[in-house]
Amino acid sequence: MSKRPTPKKRREKSRGRRQHSVYVQKRIRKLTNRMNSPYGSPVEARSKAKKALKGITRIKA
């Protein structure tokens, strides 16, 4: 007799909106857990000017 397969986490299969909401729920939970983790490194604050400079790829002379 063969072994029974391990039970997987329940996941919505057919109903589209419900499936998406479950996916979003998991993503939000994962991100909040990561944010509240004591092992996470502090993030460097970015200003609009720095962000704009990062977007510039070439300078015309």
N, C-alpha and C. Protein backbone atom coordinates (compact mmCIF):
# COMPACT_ATOMS: atom_id res chain seq x y z
N MET A 1 0.84 -1.19 0.00
CA MET A 1 0.00 0.00 0.00
C MET A 1 0.88 1.25 0.00
N SER A 2 0.53 2.21 -0.82
CA SER A 2 1.36 3.41 -0.93
C SER A 2 1.01 4.43 0.16
N LYS A 3 1.95 5.36 0.37
CA LYS A 3 1.73 6.40 1.39
C LYS A 3 0.73 7.43 0.89
N ARG A 4 0.02 8.01 1.82
CA ARG A 4 -0.95 9.06 1.45
C ARG A 4 -0.19 10.36 1.21
N PRO A 5 -0.63 11.19 0.28
CA PRO A 5 0.06 12.45 0.02
C PRO A 5 -0.13 13.43 1.17
N THR A 6 0.84 14.31 1.37
CA THR A 6 0.73 15.28 2.46
C THR A 6 -0.35 16.30 2.10
N PRO A 7 -1.16 16.69 3.07
CA PRO A 7 -2.21 17.67 2.77
C PRO A 7 -1.60 19.05 2.48
N LYS A 8 -2.09 19.70 1.44
CA LYS A 8 -1.59 21.01 1.06
C LYS A 8 -2.49 22.10 1.66
N LYS A 9 -1.99 23.34 1.65
CA LYS A 9 -2.80 24.45 2.15
C LYS A 9 -3.98 24.66 1.19
N ARG A 10 -5.12 24.95 1.77
CA ARG A 10 -6.31 25.14 0.93
C ARG A 10 -6.16 26.41 0.12
N ARG A 11 -6.53 26.33 -1.14
CA ARG A 11 -6.39 27.48 -2.02
C ARG A 11 -7.56 27.51 -2.97
N GLU A 12 -8.14 28.68 -3.19
CA GLU A 12 -9.26 28.81 -4.10
C GLU A 12 -8.82 28.46 -5.51
N LYS A 13 -9.64 27.72 -6.21
CA LYS A 13 -9.27 27.28 -7.55
C LYS A 13 -10.08 28.01 -8.64
N SER A 14 -11.38 28.00 -8.51
CA SER A 14 -12.19 28.42 -9.65
C SER A 14 -12.71 29.86 -9.57
N ARG A 15 -13.19 30.29 -8.40
CA ARG A 15 -13.83 31.61 -8.32
C ARG A 15 -12.76 32.71 -8.32
N GLY A 16 -12.70 33.46 -9.39
CA GLY A 16 -11.62 34.40 -9.65
C GLY A 16 -11.41 35.47 -8.59
N ARG A 17 -12.46 36.16 -8.21
CA ARG A 17 -12.32 37.27 -7.26
C ARG A 17 -11.86 36.77 -5.91
N ARG A 18 -12.44 35.68 -5.48
CA ARG A 18 -12.07 35.09 -4.18
C ARG A 18 -10.61 34.65 -4.21
N GLN A 19 -10.21 34.05 -5.31
CA GLN A 19 -8.84 33.58 -5.45
C GLN A 19 -7.87 34.75 -5.33
N HIS A 20 -8.22 35.87 -5.98
CA HIS A 20 -7.35 37.04 -5.95
C HIS A 20 -7.28 37.63 -4.54
N SER A 21 -8.42 37.67 -3.86
CA SER A 21 -8.44 38.25 -2.51
C SER A 21 -7.60 37.40 -1.55
N VAL A 22 -7.63 36.08 -1.73
CA VAL A 22 -6.81 35.19 -0.90
C VAL A 22 -5.34 35.47 -1.16
N TYR A 23 -4.99 35.65 -2.44
CA TYR A 23 -3.60 35.95 -2.82
C TYR A 23 -3.15 37.26 -2.20
N VAL A 24 -3.99 38.29 -2.29
CA VAL A 24 -3.66 39.61 -1.73
C VAL A 24 -3.50 39.52 -0.22
N GLN A 25 -4.40 38.79 0.43
CA GLN A 25 -4.33 38.59 1.88
C GLN A 25 -2.98 38.02 2.29
N LYS A 26 -2.54 36.98 1.55
CA LYS A 26 -1.26 36.33 1.87
C LYS A 26 -0.10 37.29 1.68
N ARG A 27 -0.14 38.08 0.59
CA ARG A 27 0.94 39.03 0.31
C ARG A 27 1.01 40.08 1.42
N ILE A 28 -0.14 40.60 1.83
CA ILE A 28 -0.18 41.64 2.86
C ILE A 28 0.35 41.09 4.18
N ARG A 29 -0.07 39.87 4.53
CA ARG A 29 0.39 39.23 5.76
C ARG A 29 1.90 39.05 5.74
N LYS A 30 2.42 38.59 4.61
CA LYS A 30 3.86 38.36 4.48
C LYS A 30 4.64 39.67 4.61
N LEU A 31 4.13 40.72 3.97
CA LEU A 31 4.82 42.02 4.01
C LEU A 31 4.78 42.64 5.40
N THR A 32 3.63 42.55 6.07
CA THR A 32 3.53 43.12 7.42
C THR A 32 4.41 42.35 8.40
N ASN A 33 4.45 41.02 8.24
CA ASN A 33 5.32 40.21 9.10
C ASN A 33 6.78 40.60 8.90
N ARG A 34 7.16 40.78 7.64
CA ARG A 34 8.53 41.16 7.33
C ARG A 34 8.85 42.55 7.87
N MET A 35 7.86 43.44 7.80
CA MET A 35 8.04 44.81 8.26
C MET A 35 8.22 44.86 9.79
N ASN A 36 7.47 44.02 10.48
CA ASN A 36 7.50 44.02 11.95
C ASN A 36 8.57 43.11 12.54
N SER A 37 9.32 42.46 11.68
CA SER A 37 10.34 41.53 12.15
C SER A 37 11.50 42.27 12.81
N PRO A 38 12.00 41.77 13.95
CA PRO A 38 13.13 42.43 14.61
C PRO A 38 14.43 42.27 13.84
N TYR A 39 14.46 41.35 12.86
CA TYR A 39 15.68 41.10 12.10
C TYR A 39 15.76 41.92 10.82
N GLY A 40 14.70 42.66 10.50
CA GLY A 40 14.71 43.48 9.28
C GLY A 40 15.62 44.68 9.43
N SER A 41 16.31 45.01 8.36
CA SER A 41 17.20 46.18 8.41
C SER A 41 16.40 47.45 8.15
N PRO A 42 16.76 48.57 8.78
CA PRO A 42 16.04 49.82 8.54
C PRO A 42 16.22 50.28 7.10
N VAL A 43 15.16 50.79 6.52
CA VAL A 43 15.18 51.20 5.12
C VAL A 43 15.60 52.65 5.00
N GLU A 44 16.41 52.94 4.02
CA GLU A 44 16.89 54.31 3.78
C GLU A 44 15.76 55.12 3.14
N ALA A 45 15.47 56.29 3.70
CA ALA A 45 14.41 57.14 3.17
C ALA A 45 14.86 57.76 1.85
N ARG A 46 13.95 57.79 0.86
CA ARG A 46 14.28 58.35 -0.44
C ARG A 46 13.47 59.62 -0.68
N SER A 47 14.14 60.68 -1.09
CA SER A 47 13.44 61.92 -1.40
C SER A 47 13.08 61.92 -2.88
N LYS A 48 12.21 62.85 -3.28
CA LYS A 48 11.78 62.95 -4.68
C LYS A 48 12.96 63.27 -5.58
N ALA A 49 13.87 64.12 -5.11
CA ALA A 49 15.02 64.52 -5.92
C ALA A 49 15.93 63.33 -6.21
N LYS A 50 16.19 62.52 -5.19
CA LYS A 50 17.02 61.33 -5.38
C LYS A 50 16.36 60.37 -6.36
N LYS A 51 15.04 60.26 -6.24
CA LYS A 51 14.29 59.36 -7.10
C LYS A 51 14.37 59.83 -8.56
N ALA A 52 14.28 61.14 -8.76
CA ALA A 52 14.35 61.71 -10.10
C ALA A 52 15.73 61.49 -10.70
N LEU A 53 16.76 61.65 -9.88
CA LEU A 53 18.13 61.43 -10.36
C LEU A 53 18.34 59.99 -10.79
N LYS A 54 17.72 59.08 -10.06
CA LYS A 54 17.85 57.67 -10.38
C LYS A 54 17.22 57.35 -11.73
N GLY A 55 16.17 58.10 -12.07
CA GLY A 55 15.46 57.87 -13.33
C GLY A 55 16.21 58.36 -14.55
N ILE A 56 17.18 59.26 -14.38
CA ILE A 56 17.95 59.80 -15.51
C ILE A 56 18.97 58.75 -15.94
N THR A 57 18.88 58.39 -17.20
CA THR A 57 19.80 57.35 -17.70
C THR A 57 20.95 57.94 -18.50
N ARG A 58 20.70 59.05 -19.21
CA ARG A 58 21.80 59.66 -19.98
C ARG A 58 21.67 61.18 -19.96
N ILE A 59 22.79 61.83 -20.12
CA ILE A 59 22.83 63.29 -20.09
C ILE A 59 23.33 63.79 -21.44
N LYS A 60 22.55 64.68 -22.04
CA LYS A 60 22.97 65.24 -23.33
C LYS A 60 23.99 66.35 -23.08
N ALA A 61 25.09 66.34 -23.84
CA ALA A 61 26.13 67.34 -23.68
C ALA A 61 25.94 68.47 -24.69
